[in-house]
PDB file of N, CA and C in Angstrom:
ATOM      1  N   MET A   1      55.163 141.516 112.698  1.00  0.00           N
ATOM      2  CA  MET A   1      56.206 141.302 111.729  1.00  0.00           C
ATOM      3  C   MET A   1      55.707 140.282 110.692  1.00  0.00           C
ATOM      4  N   ASP A   2      55.834 140.606 109.446  1.00  0.00           N
ATOM      5  CA  ASP A   2      55.385 139.738 108.367  1.00  0.00           C
ATOM      6  C   ASP A   2      56.421 138.664 108.069  1.00  0.00           C
ATOM      7  N   LYS A   3      55.929 137.497 107.735  1.00  0.00           N
ATOM      8  CA  LYS A   3      56.834 136.417 107.313  1.00  0.00           C
ATOM      9  C   LYS A   3      57.148 136.602 105.838  1.00  0.00           C
ATOM     10  N   LYS A   4      58.434 136.497 105.534  1.00  0.00           N
ATOM     11  CA  LYS A   4      58.847 136.610 104.142  1.00  0.00           C
ATOM     12  C   LYS A   4      58.647 135.273 103.449  1.00  0.00           C
ATOM     13  N   PRO A   5      58.291 135.286 102.172  1.00  0.00           N
ATOM     14  CA  PRO A   5      58.145 134.022 101.471  1.00  0.00           C
ATOM     15  C   PRO A   5      59.501 133.326 101.333  1.00  0.00           C
ATOM     16  N   VAL A   6      59.482 132.035 101.448  1.00  0.00           N
ATOM     17  CA  VAL A   6      60.699 131.239 101.380  1.00  0.00           C
ATOM     18  C   VAL A   6      61.013 130.940  99.919  1.00  0.00           C
ATOM     19  N   MET A   7      62.243 131.147  99.555  1.00  0.00           N
ATOM     20  CA  MET A   7      62.686 130.826  98.197  1.00  0.00           C
ATOM     21  C   MET A   7      63.257 129.404  98.218  1.00  0.00           C
ATOM     22  N   GLY A   8      62.859 128.559  97.314  1.00  0.00           N
ATOM     23  CA  GLY A   8      63.370 127.196  97.279  1.00  0.00           C
ATOM     24  C   GLY A   8      62.440 126.244  98.000  1.00  0.00           C
ATOM     25  N   HIS A   9      62.993 125.125  98.439  1.00  0.00           N
ATOM     26  CA  HIS A   9      62.188 124.120  99.122  1.00  0.00           C
ATOM     27  C   HIS A   9      62.873 123.686 100.411  1.00  0.00           C
ATOM     28  N   ASN A  10      62.101 123.075 101.260  1.00  0.00           N
ATOM     29  CA  ASN A  10      62.609 122.560 102.520  1.00  0.00           C
ATOM     30  C   ASN A  10      63.018 121.104 102.300  1.00  0.00           C
ATOM     31  N   PRO A  11      64.322 120.783 102.419  1.00  0.00           N
ATOM     32  CA  PRO A  11      64.736 119.393 102.179  1.00  0.00           C
ATOM     33  C   PRO A  11      64.157 118.407 103.192  1.00  0.00           C
ATOM     34  N   LEU A  12      63.705 118.914 104.330  1.00  0.00           N
ATOM     35  CA  LEU A  12      63.132 118.033 105.343  1.00  0.00           C
ATOM     36  C   LEU A  12      61.619 117.919 105.193  1.00  0.00           C
ATOM     37  N   GLY A  13      61.053 118.634 104.236  1.00  0.00           N
ATOM     38  CA  GLY A  13      59.607 118.686 104.076  1.00  0.00           C
ATOM     39  C   GLY A  13      58.990 117.450 103.450  1.00  0.00           C
ATOM     40  N   GLY A  14      59.722 116.638 102.808  1.00  0.00           N
ATOM     41  CA  GLY A  14      59.160 115.442 102.189  1.00  0.00           C
ATOM     42  C   GLY A  14      60.196 114.740 101.342  1.00  0.00           C
ATOM     43  N   ASN A  15      59.843 113.573 100.872  1.00  0.00           N
ATOM     44  CA  ASN A  15      60.768 112.784 100.067  1.00  0.00           C
ATOM     45  C   ASN A  15      60.467 113.065  98.594  1.00  0.00           C
ATOM     46  N   HIS A  16      61.231 113.961  97.991  1.00  0.00           N
ATOM     47  CA  HIS A  16      61.020 114.339  96.599  1.00  0.00           C
ATOM     48  C   HIS A  16      61.631 113.325  95.642  1.00  0.00           C
ATOM     49  N   LEU A  17      62.415 112.390  96.152  1.00  0.00           N
ATOM     50  CA  LEU A  17      63.080 111.403  95.309  1.00  0.00           C
ATOM     51  C   LEU A  17      62.345 110.069  95.296  1.00  0.00           C
ATOM     52  N   GLU A  18      61.166 110.038  95.847  1.00  0.00           N
ATOM     53  CA  GLU A  18      60.410 108.792  95.903  1.00  0.00           C
ATOM     54  C   GLU A  18      60.110 108.328  94.478  1.00  0.00           C
ATOM     55  N   GLY A  19      60.481 107.110  94.185  1.00  0.00           N
ATOM     56  CA  GLY A  19      60.258 106.551  92.859  1.00  0.00           C
ATOM     57  C   GLY A  19      61.338 106.906  91.845  1.00  0.00           C
ATOM     58  N   ALA A  20      62.321 107.684  92.247  1.00  0.00           N
ATOM     59  CA  ALA A  20      63.386 108.057  91.323  1.00  0.00           C
ATOM     60  C   ALA A  20      64.300 106.867  91.071  1.00  0.00           C
ATOM     61  N   LYS A  21      64.807 106.778  89.859  1.00  0.00           N
ATOM     62  CA  LYS A  21      65.718 105.692  89.505  1.00  0.00           C
ATOM     63  C   LYS A  21      67.088 106.280  89.229  1.00  0.00           C
ATOM     64  N   PHE A  22      68.104 105.629  89.745  1.00  0.00           N
ATOM     65  CA  PHE A  22      69.475 106.077  89.550  1.00  0.00           C
ATOM     66  C   PHE A  22      70.291 105.007  88.820  1.00  0.00           C
ATOM     67  N   ASP A  23      69.634 104.230  87.942  1.00  0.00           N
ATOM     68  CA  ASP A  23      70.332 103.158  87.242  1.00  0.00           C
ATOM     69  C   ASP A  23      71.294 103.671  86.168  1.00  0.00           C
ATOM     70  N   PHE A  24      71.279 104.962  85.913  1.00  0.00           N
ATOM     71  CA  PHE A  24      72.223 105.547  84.962  1.00  0.00           C
ATOM     72  C   PHE A  24      73.611 105.722  85.573  1.00  0.00           C
ATOM     73  N   ILE A  25      73.727 105.584  86.892  1.00  0.00           N
ATOM     74  CA  ILE A  25      75.010 105.716  87.573  1.00  0.00           C
ATOM     75  C   ILE A  25      75.713 104.362  87.515  1.00  0.00           C
ATOM     76  N   PRO A  26      76.917 104.305  86.925  1.00  0.00           N
ATOM     77  CA  PRO A  26      77.594 103.010  86.785  1.00  0.00           C
ATOM     78  C   PRO A  26      78.067 102.466  88.130  1.00  0.00           C
ATOM     79  N   TYR A  27      78.118 101.129  88.224  1.00  0.00           N
ATOM     80  CA  TYR A  27      78.634 100.468  89.419  1.00  0.00           C
ATOM     81  C   TYR A  27      80.152 100.574  89.430  1.00  0.00           C
ATOM     82  N   THR A  28      80.711 100.926  90.565  1.00  0.00           N
ATOM     83  CA  THR A  28      82.167 100.981  90.709  1.00  0.00           C
ATOM     84  C   THR A  28      82.578 100.112  91.878  1.00  0.00           C
ATOM     85  N   GLU A  29      83.819  99.614  91.826  1.00  0.00           N
ATOM     86  CA  GLU A  29      84.310  98.753  92.897  1.00  0.00           C
ATOM     87  C   GLU A  29      84.496  99.507  94.204  1.00  0.00           C
ATOM     88  N   SER A  30      84.602 100.819  94.142  1.00  0.00           N
ATOM     89  CA  SER A  30      84.802 101.588  95.364  1.00  0.00           C
ATOM     90  C   SER A  30      83.476 101.927  96.040  1.00  0.00           C
ATOM     91  N   GLY A  31      82.370 101.424  95.504  1.00  0.00           N
ATOM     92  CA  GLY A  31      81.063 101.690  96.077  1.00  0.00           C
ATOM     93  C   GLY A  31      80.860 100.998  97.408  1.00  0.00           C
ATOM     94  N   SER A  32      79.765 101.316  98.084  1.00  0.00           N
ATOM     95  CA  SER A  32      79.513 100.788  99.422  1.00  0.00           C
ATOM     96  C   SER A  32      79.317  99.273  99.426  1.00  0.00           C
ATOM     97  N   ALA A  33      78.767  98.716  98.354  1.00  0.00           N
ATOM     98  CA  ALA A  33      78.578  97.265  98.310  1.00  0.00           C
ATOM     99  C   ALA A  33      79.913  96.544  98.365  1.00  0.00           C
ATOM    100  N   MET A  34      80.907  97.116  97.710  1.00  0.00           N
ATOM    101  CA  MET A  34      82.227  96.496  97.705  1.00  0.00           C
ATOM    102  C   MET A  34      82.880  96.620  99.085  1.00  0.00           C
ATOM    103  N   LYS A  35      82.662  97.741  99.749  1.00  0.00           N
ATOM    104  CA  LYS A  35      83.249  97.932 101.074  1.00  0.00           C
ATOM    105  C   LYS A  35      82.695  96.923 102.069  1.00  0.00           C
ATOM    106  N   ASP A  36      81.405  96.634 101.972  1.00  0.00           N
ATOM    107  CA  ASP A  36      80.800  95.667 102.884  1.00  0.00           C
ATOM    108  C   ASP A  36      81.363  94.273 102.658  1.00  0.00           C
ATOM    109  N   SER A  37      81.550  93.880 101.398  1.00  0.00           N
ATOM    110  CA  SER A  37      82.084  92.546 101.129  1.00  0.00           C
ATOM    111  C   SER A  37      83.547  92.458 101.537  1.00  0.00           C
ATOM    112  N   ALA A  38      84.272  93.562 101.445  1.00  0.00           N
ATOM    113  CA  ALA A  38      85.680  93.554 101.853  1.00  0.00           C
ATOM    114  C   ALA A  38      85.806  93.373 103.357  1.00  0.00           C
ATOM    115  N   LYS A  39      84.843  93.882 104.103  1.00  0.00           N
ATOM    116  CA  LYS A  39      84.875  93.722 105.562  1.00  0.00           C
ATOM    117  C   LYS A  39      84.695  92.261 105.958  1.00  0.00           C
ATOM    118  N   LYS A  40      83.968  91.506 105.149  1.00  0.00           N
ATOM    119  CA  LYS A  40      83.676  90.115 105.471  1.00  0.00           C
ATOM    120  C   LYS A  40      84.884  89.218 105.271  1.00  0.00           C
ATOM    121  N   LYS A  41      85.792  89.595 104.363  1.00  0.00           N
ATOM    122  CA  LYS A  41      86.982  88.791 104.121  1.00  0.00           C
ATOM    123  C   LYS A  41      87.936  88.943 105.295  1.00  0.00           C
ATOM    124  N   LYS A  42      88.458  87.840 105.764  1.00  0.00           N
ATOM    125  CA  LYS A  42      89.411  87.892 106.865  1.00  0.00           C
ATOM    126  C   LYS A  42      90.794  87.597 106.313  1.00  0.00           C
ATOM    127  N   THR A  43      91.676  88.564 106.440  1.00  0.00           N
ATOM    128  CA  THR A  43      93.050  88.358 106.014  1.00  0.00           C
ATOM    129  C   THR A  43      93.870  87.983 107.234  1.00  0.00           C
ATOM    130  N   PRO A  44      94.902  87.183 107.049  1.00  0.00           N
ATOM    131  CA  PRO A  44      95.723  86.801 108.191  1.00  0.00           C
ATOM    132  C   PRO A  44      96.389  88.035 108.796  1.00  0.00           C
ATOM    133  N   SER A  45      96.449  88.057 110.106  1.00  0.00           N
ATOM    134  CA  SER A  45      97.095  89.195 110.761  1.00  0.00           C
ATOM    135  C   SER A  45      98.610  89.104 110.559  1.00  0.00           C
ATOM    136  N   LYS A  46      99.225  90.260 110.489  1.00  0.00           N
ATOM    137  CA  LYS A  46     100.663  90.313 110.252  1.00  0.00           C
ATOM    138  C   LYS A  46     101.318  91.150 111.329  1.00  0.00           C
ATOM    139  N   LYS A  47     102.562  90.837 111.615  1.00  0.00           N
ATOM    140  CA  LYS A  47     103.355  91.592 112.578  1.00  0.00           C
ATOM    141  C   LYS A  47     104.706  91.879 111.967  1.00  0.00           C
ATOM    142  N   VAL A  48     105.337  92.918 112.436  1.00  0.00           N
ATOM    143  CA  VAL A  48     106.665  93.284 111.961  1.00  0.00           C
ATOM    144  C   VAL A  48     107.703  92.491 112.735  1.00  0.00           C
ATOM    145  N   VAL A  49     108.659  91.917 111.996  1.00  0.00           N
ATOM    146  CA  VAL A  49     109.722  91.128 112.599  1.00  0.00           C
ATOM    147  C   VAL A  49     111.048  91.647 112.055  1.00  0.00           C
ATOM    148  N   SER A  50     112.017  91.800 112.924  1.00  0.00           N
ATOM    149  CA  SER A  50     113.353  92.218 112.489  1.00  0.00           C
ATOM    150  C   SER A  50     114.309  91.047 112.612  1.00  0.00           C
ATOM    151  N   TYR A  51     115.162  90.900 111.614  1.00  0.00           N
ATOM    152  CA  TYR A  51     116.165  89.844 111.653  1.00  0.00           C
ATOM    153  C   TYR A  51     117.385  90.305 110.873  1.00  0.00           C
ATOM    154  N   TYR A  52     118.516  89.726 111.175  1.00  0.00           N
ATOM    155  CA  TYR A  52     119.766  90.090 110.535  1.00  0.00           C
ATOM    156  C   TYR A  52     120.130  89.038 109.500  1.00  0.00           C
ATOM    157  N   LEU A  53     120.459  89.505 108.284  1.00  0.00           N
ATOM    158  CA  LEU A  53     120.879  88.616 107.200  1.00  0.00           C
ATOM    159  C   LEU A  53     122.136  89.182 106.572  1.00  0.00           C
ATOM    160  N   GLU A  54     122.893  88.330 105.943  1.00  0.00           N
ATOM    161  CA  GLU A  54     124.083  88.773 105.236  1.00  0.00           C
ATOM    162  C   GLU A  54     123.659  89.617 104.028  1.00  0.00           C
ATOM    163  N   GLU A  55     124.474  90.604 103.688  1.00  0.00           N
ATOM    164  CA  GLU A  55     124.134  91.499 102.586  1.00  0.00           C
ATOM    165  C   GLU A  55     123.959  90.754 101.271  1.00  0.00           C
ATOM    166  N   GLU A  56     124.805  89.769 101.030  1.00  0.00           N
ATOM    167  CA  GLU A  56     124.702  89.004  99.790  1.00  0.00           C
ATOM    168  C   GLU A  56     123.353  88.299  99.683  1.00  0.00           C
ATOM    169  N   LEU A  57     122.877  87.750 100.808  1.00  0.00           N
ATOM    170  CA  LEU A  57     121.592  87.070 100.823  1.00  0.00           C
ATOM    171  C   LEU A  57     120.462  88.069 100.571  1.00  0.00           C
ATOM    172  N   ILE A  58     120.531  89.225 101.191  1.00  0.00           N
ATOM    173  CA  ILE A  58     119.515  90.266 101.000  1.00  0.00           C
ATOM    174  C   ILE A  58     119.461  90.691  99.537  1.00  0.00           C
ATOM    175  N   ASN A  59     120.636  90.901  98.949  1.00  0.00           N
ATOM    176  CA  ASN A  59     120.677  91.308  97.543  1.00  0.00           C
ATOM    177  C   ASN A  59     120.088  90.241  96.630  1.00  0.00           C
ATOM    178  N   GLU A  60     120.375  88.978  96.923  1.00  0.00           N
ATOM    179  CA  GLU A  60     119.826  87.896  96.113  1.00  0.00           C
ATOM    180  C   GLU A  60     118.310  87.809  96.261  1.00  0.00           C
ATOM    181  N   ILE A  61     117.814  87.980  97.478  1.00  0.00           N
ATOM    182  CA  ILE A  61     116.362  87.966  97.704  1.00  0.00           C
ATOM    183  C   ILE A  61     115.707  89.111  96.946  1.00  0.00           C
ATOM    184  N   ARG A  62     116.309  90.308  97.009  1.00  0.00           N
ATOM    185  CA  ARG A  62     115.759  91.459  96.282  1.00  0.00           C
ATOM    186  C   ARG A  62     115.734  91.197  94.778  1.00  0.00           C
ATOM    187  N   THR A  63     116.796  90.615  94.260  1.00  0.00           N
ATOM    188  CA  THR A  63     116.871  90.315  92.828  1.00  0.00           C
ATOM    189  C   THR A  63     115.775  89.336  92.424  1.00  0.00           C
ATOM    190  N   GLN A  64     115.618  88.273  93.209  1.00  0.00           N
ATOM    191  CA  GLN A  64     114.595  87.265  92.910  1.00  0.00           C
ATOM    192  C   GLN A  64     113.182  87.859  93.027  1.00  0.00           C
ATOM    193  N   ALA A  65     112.948  88.659  94.064  1.00  0.00           N
ATOM    194  CA  ALA A  65     111.636  89.276  94.268  1.00  0.00           C
ATOM    195  C   ALA A  65     111.302  90.213  93.107  1.00  0.00           C
ATOM    196  N   THR A  66     112.277  90.999  92.676  1.00  0.00           N
ATOM    197  CA  THR A  66     112.058  91.919  91.563  1.00  0.00           C
ATOM    198  C   THR A  66     111.762  91.166  90.278  1.00  0.00           C
ATOM    199  N   SER A  67     112.480  90.088  90.044  1.00  0.00           N
ATOM    200  CA  SER A  67     112.259  89.311  88.818  1.00  0.00           C
ATOM    201  C   SER A  67     110.872  88.675  88.796  1.00  0.00           C
ATOM    202  N   GLN A  68     110.314  88.385  89.958  1.00  0.00           N
ATOM    203  CA  GLN A  68     108.966  87.807  90.044  1.00  0.00           C
ATOM    204  C   GLN A  68     107.901  88.868  90.294  1.00  0.00           C
ATOM    205  N   GLU A  69     108.324  90.134  90.281  1.00  0.00           N
ATOM    206  CA  GLU A  69     107.431  91.274  90.498  1.00  0.00           C
ATOM    207  C   GLU A  69     106.678  91.174  91.821  1.00  0.00           C
ATOM    208  N   LEU A  70     107.408  90.817  92.877  1.00  0.00           N
ATOM    209  CA  LEU A  70     106.859  90.740  94.230  1.00  0.00           C
ATOM    210  C   LEU A  70     107.606  91.714  95.127  1.00  0.00           C
ATOM    211  N   SER A  71     106.968  92.101  96.218  1.00  0.00           N
ATOM    212  CA  SER A  71     107.674  92.927  97.198  1.00  0.00           C
ATOM    213  C   SER A  71     108.650  92.039  97.970  1.00  0.00           C
ATOM    214  N   PHE A  72     109.613  92.686  98.595  1.00  0.00           N
ATOM    215  CA  PHE A  72     110.619  91.961  99.369  1.00  0.00           C
ATOM    216  C   PHE A  72     109.951  91.115 100.449  1.00  0.00           C
ATOM    217  N   SER A  73     109.055  91.737 101.236  1.00  0.00           N
ATOM    218  CA  SER A  73     108.436  91.016 102.352  1.00  0.00           C
ATOM    219  C   SER A  73     107.519  89.887 101.867  1.00  0.00           C
ATOM    220  N   ASN A  74     106.823  90.106 100.759  1.00  0.00           N
ATOM    221  CA  ASN A  74     105.968  89.056 100.215  1.00  0.00           C
ATOM    222  C   ASN A  74     106.810  87.870  99.768  1.00  0.00           C
ATOM    223  N   PHE A  75     107.927  88.141  99.115  1.00  0.00           N
ATOM    224  CA  PHE A  75     108.804  87.070  98.650  1.00  0.00           C
ATOM    225  C   PHE A  75     109.393  86.289  99.822  1.00  0.00           C
ATOM    226  N   VAL A  76     109.848  87.006 100.845  1.00  0.00           N
ATOM    227  CA  VAL A  76     110.408  86.343 102.030  1.00  0.00           C
ATOM    228  C   VAL A  76     109.340  85.487 102.708  1.00  0.00           C
ATOM    229  N   GLY A  77     108.123  86.009 102.806  1.00  0.00           N
ATOM    230  CA  GLY A  77     107.032  85.228 103.400  1.00  0.00           C
ATOM    231  C   GLY A  77     106.767  83.945 102.650  1.00  0.00           C
ATOM    232  N   ARG A  78     106.784  84.023 101.311  1.00  0.00           N
ATOM    233  CA  ARG A  78     106.585  82.824 100.499  1.00  0.00           C
ATOM    234  C   ARG A  78     107.720  81.818 100.688  1.00  0.00           C
ATOM    235  N   LEU A  79     108.944  82.342 100.756  1.00  0.00           N
ATOM    236  CA  LEU A  79     110.094  81.452 100.986  1.00  0.00           C
ATOM    237  C   LEU A  79     109.962  80.726 102.320  1.00  0.00           C
ATOM    238  N   LEU A  80     109.607  81.459 103.357  1.00  0.00           N
ATOM    239  CA  LEU A  80     109.487  80.844 104.678  1.00  0.00           C
ATOM    240  C   LEU A  80     108.356  79.815 104.725  1.00  0.00           C
ATOM    241  N   LYS A  81     107.225  80.110 104.112  1.00  0.00           N
ATOM    242  CA  LYS A  81     106.127  79.149 104.078  1.00  0.00           C
ATOM    243  C   LYS A  81     106.539  77.877 103.352  1.00  0.00           C
ATOM    244  N   LYS A  82     107.239  78.048 102.222  1.00  0.00           N
ATOM    245  CA  LYS A  82     107.692  76.899 101.450  1.00  0.00           C
ATOM    246  C   LYS A  82     108.699  76.062 102.241  1.00  0.00           C
ATOM    247  N   ALA A  83     109.580  76.732 102.959  1.00  0.00           N
ATOM    248  CA  ALA A  83     110.578  76.033 103.766  1.00  0.00           C
ATOM    249  C   ALA A  83     109.926  75.275 104.916  1.00  0.00           C
ATOM    250  N   LEU A  84     108.904  75.830 105.520  1.00  0.00           N
ATOM    251  CA  LEU A  84     108.221  75.177 106.631  1.00  0.00           C
ATOM    252  C   LEU A  84     107.395  73.971 106.176  1.00  0.00           C
ATOM    253  N   LYS A  85     106.888  74.004 104.960  1.00  0.00           N
ATOM    254  CA  LYS A  85     106.089  72.884 104.451  1.00  0.00           C
ATOM    255  C   LYS A  85     106.965  71.672 104.132  1.00  0.00           C
ATOM    256  N   SER A  86     108.213  71.912 103.733  1.00  0.00           N
ATOM    257  CA  SER A  86     109.059  70.787 103.340  1.00  0.00           C
ATOM    258  C   SER A  86     109.808  70.191 104.502  1.00  0.00           C
TER     259      SER A  86
END
């Protein structure tokens, strides 16, 4: 049986990209270098907590959080930290 000639190249046959430069590709924050640095940062661990508050208080917290462009939980966390420091 005769061997048929192969069309194309064998990607495992050698390193055809040796010496190639890819500096034309722009750096993006979603690249692997950014992912590695993000792994090194340690953020405080968080847990879910349930508590009961009066509706008026909840509405006021939501209003204040919205005016400061913060999420409800972020605003509550800041309030609690501030209260604990004083």
